[in-house]
Amino acid sequence: MTQLIYQFYIKLRDIEPTIWRRIQVPDTYTFWGLHVAIQDAMGWLDCHLHAFRFRPKHKREIVEIGIPNEGWRC
């Protein structure tokens, strides 16, 4: 059985010079697993707001998964 690997190019917006990482994760990762991989790749300590936005197939509404901005403190 072949396992799929997804490759992501992650770039921080509005920062010069550009800060970016390329990561690869297995297709079995959840959004939490992807979050942890990004935290590790960036050297962060889970103190940054984040959100994943996507549109499910055949839907108009965008789904957002992440830490809400309201009252977040590290």
PDB file of N, CA and C in Angstrom:
ATOM      1  N   MET A   1       0.844  -1.185   0.000  1.00  0.00           N
ATOM      2  CA  MET A   1       0.000   0.000   0.000  1.00  0.00           C
ATOM      3  C   MET A   1       0.892   1.253   0.000  1.00  0.00           C
ATOM      4  N   THR A   2       0.593   2.166  -0.875  1.00  0.00           N
ATOM      5  CA  THR A   2       1.367   3.396  -0.988  1.00  0.00           C
ATOM      6  C   THR A   2       0.728   4.482  -0.139  1.00  0.00           C
ATOM      7  N   GLN A   3       1.544   5.166   0.655  1.00  0.00           N
ATOM      8  CA  GLN A   3       1.036   6.263   1.471  1.00  0.00           C
ATOM      9  C   GLN A   3       1.320   7.571   0.760  1.00  0.00           C
ATOM     10  N   LEU A   4       0.320   8.428   0.705  1.00  0.00           N
ATOM     11  CA  LEU A   4       0.495   9.745   0.095  1.00  0.00           C
ATOM     12  C   LEU A   4       1.226  10.667   1.061  1.00  0.00           C
ATOM     13  N   ILE A   5       2.052  11.534   0.501  1.00  0.00           N
ATOM     14  CA  ILE A   5       2.745  12.566   1.261  1.00  0.00           C
ATOM     15  C   ILE A   5       2.341  13.908   0.681  1.00  0.00           C
ATOM     16  N   TYR A   6       1.897  14.816   1.522  1.00  0.00           N
ATOM     17  CA  TYR A   6       1.552  16.170   1.089  1.00  0.00           C
ATOM     18  C   TYR A   6       2.710  17.106   1.404  1.00  0.00           C
ATOM     19  N   GLN A   7       3.010  17.963   0.453  1.00  0.00           N
ATOM     20  CA  GLN A   7       4.068  18.958   0.649  1.00  0.00           C
ATOM     21  C   GLN A   7       3.424  20.335   0.718  1.00  0.00           C
ATOM     22  N   PHE A   8       3.803  21.109   1.724  1.00  0.00           N
ATOM     23  CA  PHE A   8       3.270  22.453   1.922  1.00  0.00           C
ATOM     24  C   PHE A   8       4.398  23.473   1.877  1.00  0.00           C
ATOM     25  N   TYR A   9       4.109  24.585   1.240  1.00  0.00           N
ATOM     26  CA  TYR A   9       4.998  25.739   1.248  1.00  0.00           C
ATOM     27  C   TYR A   9       4.334  26.755   2.171  1.00  0.00           C
ATOM     28  N   ILE A  10       5.002  27.112   3.249  1.00  0.00           N
ATOM     29  CA  ILE A  10       4.434  28.000   4.268  1.00  0.00           C
ATOM     30  C   ILE A  10       5.228  29.301   4.262  1.00  0.00           C
ATOM     31  N   LYS A  11       4.532  30.412   4.083  1.00  0.00           N
ATOM     32  CA  LYS A  11       5.193  31.714   4.014  1.00  0.00           C
ATOM     33  C   LYS A  11       4.485  32.683   4.955  1.00  0.00           C
ATOM     34  N   LEU A  12       5.259  33.394   5.767  1.00  0.00           N
ATOM     35  CA  LEU A  12       4.673  34.399   6.653  1.00  0.00           C
ATOM     36  C   LEU A  12       4.390  35.651   5.841  1.00  0.00           C
ATOM     37  N   ARG A  13       3.204  36.188   6.011  1.00  0.00           N
ATOM     38  CA  ARG A  13       2.806  37.388   5.271  1.00  0.00           C
ATOM     39  C   ARG A  13       3.355  38.640   5.929  1.00  0.00           C
ATOM     40  N   ASP A  14       3.554  39.661   5.105  1.00  0.00           N
ATOM     41  CA  ASP A  14       3.909  41.008   5.555  1.00  0.00           C
ATOM     42  C   ASP A  14       5.218  41.060   6.338  1.00  0.00           C
ATOM     43  N   ILE A  15       6.168  40.208   5.999  1.00  0.00           N
ATOM     44  CA  ILE A  15       7.479  40.219   6.662  1.00  0.00           C
ATOM     45  C   ILE A  15       8.564  40.252   5.594  1.00  0.00           C
ATOM     46  N   GLU A  16       9.512  41.145   5.768  1.00  0.00           N
ATOM     47  CA  GLU A  16      10.678  41.228   4.873  1.00  0.00           C
ATOM     48  C   GLU A  16      11.929  41.077   5.711  1.00  0.00           C
ATOM     49  N   PRO A  17      12.889  40.281   5.316  1.00  0.00           N
ATOM     50  CA  PRO A  17      12.839  39.394   4.161  1.00  0.00           C
ATOM     51  C   PRO A  17      11.852  38.256   4.402  1.00  0.00           C
ATOM     52  N   THR A  18      11.466  37.611   3.326  1.00  0.00           N
ATOM     53  CA  THR A  18      10.483  36.538   3.398  1.00  0.00           C
ATOM     54  C   THR A  18      10.972  35.399   4.297  1.00  0.00           C
ATOM     55  N   ILE A  19      10.077  34.945   5.164  1.00  0.00           N
ATOM     56  CA  ILE A  19      10.343  33.777   6.009  1.00  0.00           C
ATOM     57  C   ILE A  19       9.427  32.664   5.516  1.00  0.00           C
ATOM     58  N   TRP A  20      10.027  31.532   5.155  1.00  0.00           N
ATOM     59  CA  TRP A  20       9.237  30.436   4.618  1.00  0.00           C
ATOM     60  C   TRP A  20       9.832  29.090   5.012  1.00  0.00           C
ATOM     61  N   ARG A  21       9.010  28.074   4.925  1.00  0.00           N
ATOM     62  CA  ARG A  21       9.427  26.699   5.159  1.00  0.00           C
ATOM     63  C   ARG A  21       8.678  25.799   4.179  1.00  0.00           C
ATOM     64  N   ARG A  22       9.280  24.691   3.840  1.00  0.00           N
ATOM     65  CA  ARG A  22       8.610  23.647   3.061  1.00  0.00           C
ATOM     66  C   ARG A  22       8.586  22.404   3.944  1.00  0.00           C
ATOM     67  N   ILE A  23       7.404  21.859   4.147  1.00  0.00           N
ATOM     68  CA  ILE A  23       7.290  20.668   4.989  1.00  0.00           C
ATOM     69  C   ILE A  23       6.549  19.581   4.223  1.00  0.00           C
ATOM     70  N   GLN A  24       6.767  18.356   4.623  1.00  0.00           N
ATOM     71  CA  GLN A  24       6.049  17.215   4.067  1.00  0.00           C
ATOM     72  C   GLN A  24       5.422  16.438   5.215  1.00  0.00           C
ATOM     73  N   VAL A  25       4.173  16.065   5.030  1.00  0.00           N
ATOM     74  CA  VAL A  25       3.454  15.306   6.054  1.00  0.00           C
ATOM     75  C   VAL A  25       2.674  14.175   5.391  1.00  0.00           C
ATOM     76  N   PRO A  26       2.460  13.086   6.114  1.00  0.00           N
ATOM     77  CA  PRO A  26       1.678  11.978   5.545  1.00  0.00           C
ATOM     78  C   PRO A  26       0.203  12.350   5.430  1.00  0.00           C
ATOM     79  N   ASP A  27      -0.484  11.676   4.526  1.00  0.00           N
ATOM     80  CA  ASP A  27      -1.907  11.974   4.304  1.00  0.00           C
ATOM     81  C   ASP A  27      -2.779  11.606   5.497  1.00  0.00           C
ATOM     82  N   THR A  28      -2.224  10.919   6.473  1.00  0.00           N
ATOM     83  CA  THR A  28      -2.996  10.528   7.661  1.00  0.00           C
ATOM     84  C   THR A  28      -3.042  11.637   8.718  1.00  0.00           C
ATOM     85  N   TYR A  29      -2.270  12.709   8.518  1.00  0.00           N
ATOM     86  CA  TYR A  29      -2.251  13.803   9.500  1.00  0.00           C
ATOM     87  C   TYR A  29      -3.611  14.482   9.586  1.00  0.00           C
ATOM     88  N   THR A  30      -3.985  14.839  10.786  1.00  0.00           N
ATOM     89  CA  THR A  30      -5.169  15.671  11.023  1.00  0.00           C
ATOM     90  C   THR A  30      -4.713  17.127  10.964  1.00  0.00           C
ATOM     91  N   PHE A  31      -5.653  18.072  11.106  1.00  0.00           N
ATOM     92  CA  PHE A  31      -5.257  19.480  11.168  1.00  0.00           C
ATOM     93  C   PHE A  31      -4.383  19.726  12.400  1.00  0.00           C
ATOM     94  N   TRP A  32      -4.641  19.007  13.480  1.00  0.00           N
ATOM     95  CA  TRP A  32      -3.795  19.156  14.667  1.00  0.00           C
ATOM     96  C   TRP A  32      -2.359  18.703  14.353  1.00  0.00           C
ATOM     97  N   GLY A  33      -2.211  17.593  13.668  1.00  0.00           N
ATOM     98  CA  GLY A  33      -0.886  17.122  13.275  1.00  0.00           C
ATOM     99  C   GLY A  33      -0.178  18.113  12.375  1.00  0.00           C
ATOM    100  N   LEU A  34      -0.914  18.702  11.433  1.00  0.00           N
ATOM    101  CA  LEU A  34      -0.335  19.726  10.559  1.00  0.00           C
ATOM    102  C   LEU A  34       0.082  20.944  11.373  1.00  0.00           C
ATOM    103  N   HIS A  35      -0.745  21.344  12.319  1.00  0.00           N
ATOM    104  CA  HIS A  35      -0.422  22.466  13.207  1.00  0.00           C
ATOM    105  C   HIS A  35       0.894  22.203  13.943  1.00  0.00           C
ATOM    106  N   VAL A  36       1.042  21.019  14.497  1.00  0.00           N
ATOM    107  CA  VAL A  36       2.254  20.672  15.240  1.00  0.00           C
ATOM    108  C   VAL A  36       3.474  20.670  14.307  1.00  0.00           C
ATOM    109  N   ALA A  37       3.316  20.144  13.092  1.00  0.00           N
ATOM    110  CA  ALA A  37       4.423  20.136  12.126  1.00  0.00           C
ATOM    111  C   ALA A  37       4.863  21.561  11.776  1.00  0.00           C
ATOM    112  N   ILE A  38       3.903  22.464  11.604  1.00  0.00           N
ATOM    113  CA  ILE A  38       4.233  23.864  11.302  1.00  0.00           C
ATOM    114  C   ILE A  38       4.934  24.504  12.492  1.00  0.00           C
ATOM    115  N   GLN A  39       4.429  24.271  13.700  1.00  0.00           N
ATOM    116  CA  GLN A  39       5.066  24.810  14.904  1.00  0.00           C
ATOM    117  C   GLN A  39       6.521  24.357  14.986  1.00  0.00           C
ATOM    118  N   ASP A  40       6.755  23.086  14.756  1.00  0.00           N
ATOM    119  CA  ASP A  40       8.117  22.535  14.809  1.00  0.00           C
ATOM    120  C   ASP A  40       9.003  23.141  13.721  1.00  0.00           C
ATOM    121  N   ALA A  41       8.489  23.226  12.510  1.00  0.00           N
ATOM    122  CA  ALA A  41       9.277  23.744  11.383  1.00  0.00           C
ATOM    123  C   ALA A  41       9.674  25.203  11.596  1.00  0.00           C
ATOM    124  N   MET A  42       8.814  25.969  12.236  1.00  0.00           N
ATOM    125  CA  MET A  42       9.080  27.388  12.457  1.00  0.00           C
ATOM    126  C   MET A  42       9.854  27.639  13.752  1.00  0.00           C
ATOM    127  N   GLY A  43       9.981  26.615  14.591  1.00  0.00           N
ATOM    128  CA  GLY A  43      10.666  26.803  15.867  1.00  0.00           C
ATOM    129  C   GLY A  43       9.815  27.544  16.884  1.00  0.00           C
ATOM    130  N   TRP A  44       8.501  27.473  16.705  1.00  0.00           N
ATOM    131  CA  TRP A  44       7.577  28.169  17.594  1.00  0.00           C
ATOM    132  C   TRP A  44       7.227  27.285  18.788  1.00  0.00           C
ATOM    133  N   LEU A  45       6.721  27.931  19.829  1.00  0.00           N
ATOM    134  CA  LEU A  45       6.358  27.224  21.063  1.00  0.00           C
ATOM    135  C   LEU A  45       4.851  27.216  21.295  1.00  0.00           C
ATOM    136  N   ASP A  46       4.080  27.140  20.206  1.00  0.00           N
ATOM    137  CA  ASP A  46       2.617  27.098  20.269  1.00  0.00           C
ATOM    138  C   ASP A  46       2.030  28.359  20.883  1.00  0.00           C
ATOM    139  N   CYS A  47       2.641  29.503  20.594  1.00  0.00           N
ATOM    140  CA  CYS A  47       2.164  30.794  21.115  1.00  0.00           C
ATOM    141  C   CYS A  47       1.736  31.729  19.981  1.00  0.00           C
ATOM    142  N   HIS A  48       1.432  31.192  18.828  1.00  0.00           N
ATOM    143  CA  HIS A  48       1.032  32.019  17.690  1.00  0.00           C
ATOM    144  C   HIS A  48      -0.384  31.654  17.271  1.00  0.00           C
ATOM    145  N   LEU A  49      -1.162  32.668  16.969  1.00  0.00           N
ATOM    146  CA  LEU A  49      -2.491  32.407  16.441  1.00  0.00           C
ATOM    147  C   LEU A  49      -2.346  31.702  15.102  1.00  0.00           C
ATOM    148  N   HIS A  50      -3.274  30.848  14.796  1.00  0.00           N
ATOM    149  CA  HIS A  50      -3.243  30.165  13.509  1.00  0.00           C
ATOM    150  C   HIS A  50      -4.659  29.801  13.101  1.00  0.00           C
ATOM    151  N   ALA A  51      -4.822  29.619  11.816  1.00  0.00           N
ATOM    152  CA  ALA A  51      -6.108  29.168  11.298  1.00  0.00           C
ATOM    153  C   ALA A  51      -5.885  28.443   9.982  1.00  0.00           C
ATOM    154  N   PHE A  52      -6.648  27.405   9.764  1.00  0.00           N
ATOM    155  CA  PHE A  52      -6.683  26.702   8.495  1.00  0.00           C
ATOM    156  C   PHE A  52      -8.043  27.024   7.885  1.00  0.00           C
ATOM    157  N   ARG A  53      -8.043  27.469   6.663  1.00  0.00           N
ATOM    158  CA  ARG A  53      -9.293  27.781   5.969  1.00  0.00           C
ATOM    159  C   ARG A  53      -9.371  26.910   4.722  1.00  0.00           C
ATOM    160  N   PHE A  54     -10.534  26.314   4.521  1.00  0.00           N
ATOM    161  CA  PHE A  54     -10.727  25.501   3.326  1.00  0.00           C
ATOM    162  C   PHE A  54     -12.199  25.459   2.969  1.00  0.00           C
ATOM    163  N   ARG A  55     -12.460  25.138   1.748  1.00  0.00           N
ATOM    164  CA  ARG A  55     -13.840  25.007   1.270  1.00  0.00           C
ATOM    165  C   ARG A  55     -14.064  23.544   0.914  1.00  0.00           C
ATOM    166  N   PRO A  56     -14.977  22.883   1.650  1.00  0.00           N
ATOM    167  CA  PRO A  56     -15.263  21.483   1.320  1.00  0.00           C
ATOM    168  C   PRO A  56     -15.799  21.362  -0.113  1.00  0.00           C
ATOM    169  N   LYS A  57     -15.528  20.237  -0.701  1.00  0.00           N
ATOM    170  CA  LYS A  57     -15.984  19.971  -2.062  1.00  0.00           C
ATOM    171  C   LYS A  57     -17.490  20.200  -2.175  1.00  0.00           C
ATOM    172  N   HIS A  58     -17.896  20.889  -3.202  1.00  0.00           N
ATOM    173  CA  HIS A  58     -19.310  21.141  -3.512  1.00  0.00           C
ATOM    174  C   HIS A  58     -20.013  22.000  -2.463  1.00  0.00           C
ATOM    175  N   LYS A  59     -19.276  22.802  -1.727  1.00  0.00           N
ATOM    176  CA  LYS A  59     -19.876  23.703  -0.730  1.00  0.00           C
ATOM    177  C   LYS A  59     -19.463  25.137  -1.044  1.00  0.00           C
ATOM    178  N   ARG A  60     -20.250  26.093  -0.602  1.00  0.00           N
ATOM    179  CA  ARG A  60     -19.909  27.503  -0.781  1.00  0.00           C
ATOM    180  C   ARG A  60     -19.240  28.092   0.451  1.00  0.00           C
ATOM    181  N   GLU A  61     -19.591  27.550   1.609  1.00  0.00           N
ATOM    182  CA  GLU A  61     -19.070  28.090   2.871  1.00  0.00           C
ATOM    183  C   GLU A  61     -17.633  27.663   3.117  1.00  0.00           C
ATOM    184  N   ILE A  62     -16.828  28.600   3.595  1.00  0.00           N
ATOM    185  CA  ILE A  62     -15.451  28.295   3.965  1.00  0.00           C
ATOM    186  C   ILE A  62     -15.443  27.872   5.432  1.00  0.00           C
ATOM    187  N   VAL A  63     -14.739  26.803   5.723  1.00  0.00           N
ATOM    188  CA  VAL A  63     -14.602  26.297   7.090  1.00  0.00           C
ATOM    189  C   VAL A  63     -13.274  26.802   7.636  1.00  0.00           C
ATOM    190  N   GLU A  64     -13.282  27.260   8.882  1.00  0.00           N
ATOM    191  CA  GLU A  64     -12.054  27.719   9.524  1.00  0.00           C
ATOM    192  C   GLU A  64     -11.824  26.934  10.802  1.00  0.00           C
ATOM    193  N   ILE A  65     -10.612  26.387  10.933  1.00  0.00           N
ATOM    194  CA  ILE A  65     -10.215  25.646  12.128  1.00  0.00           C
ATOM    195  C   ILE A  65      -8.983  26.337  12.682  1.00  0.00           C
ATOM    196  N   GLY A  66      -8.994  26.683  13.970  1.00  0.00           N
ATOM    197  CA  GLY A  66      -7.822  27.321  14.551  1.00  0.00           C
ATOM    198  C   GLY A  66      -8.107  27.896  15.922  1.00  0.00           C
ATOM    199  N   ILE A  67      -7.200  28.759  16.353  1.00  0.00           N
ATOM    200  CA  ILE A  67      -7.353  29.431  17.642  1.00  0.00           C
ATOM    201  C   ILE A  67      -7.963  30.803  17.395  1.00  0.00           C
ATOM    202  N   PRO A  68      -9.130  31.091  17.974  1.00  0.00           N
ATOM    203  CA  PRO A  68      -9.753  32.395  17.752  1.00  0.00           C
ATOM    204  C   PRO A  68      -8.909  33.519  18.346  1.00  0.00           C
ATOM    205  N   ASN A  69      -9.025  34.690  17.758  1.00  0.00           N
ATOM    206  CA  ASN A  69      -8.232  35.846  18.145  1.00  0.00           C
ATOM    207  C   ASN A  69      -8.662  36.437  19.492  1.00  0.00           C
ATOM    208  N   GLU A  70      -9.891  36.266  19.864  1.00  0.00           N
ATOM    209  CA  GLU A  70     -10.443  36.922  21.051  1.00  0.00           C
ATOM    210  C   GLU A  70      -9.790  36.421  22.347  1.00  0.00           C
ATOM    211  N   GLY A  71      -9.133  37.317  23.034  1.00  0.00           N
ATOM    212  CA  GLY A  71      -8.608  37.010  24.346  1.00  0.00           C
ATOM    213  C   GLY A  71      -7.411  36.069  24.376  1.00  0.00           C
ATOM    214  N   TRP A  72      -6.797  35.816  23.267  1.00  0.00           N
ATOM    215  CA  TRP A  72      -5.656  34.874  23.241  1.00  0.00           C
ATOM    216  C   TRP A  72      -4.416  35.542  23.777  1.00  0.00           C
ATOM    217  N   ARG A  73      -3.796  34.917  24.735  1.00  0.00           N
ATOM    218  CA  ARG A  73      -2.511  35.393  25.257  1.00  0.00           C
ATOM    219  C   ARG A  73      -1.607  34.190  25.473  1.00  0.00           C
ATOM    220  N   CYS A  74      -0.343  34.422  25.225  1.00  0.00           N
ATOM    221  CA  CYS A  74       0.625  33.329  25.376  1.00  0.00           C
ATOM    222  C   CYS A  74       1.297  33.449  26.732  1.00  0.00           C
TER     223      CYS A  74
END
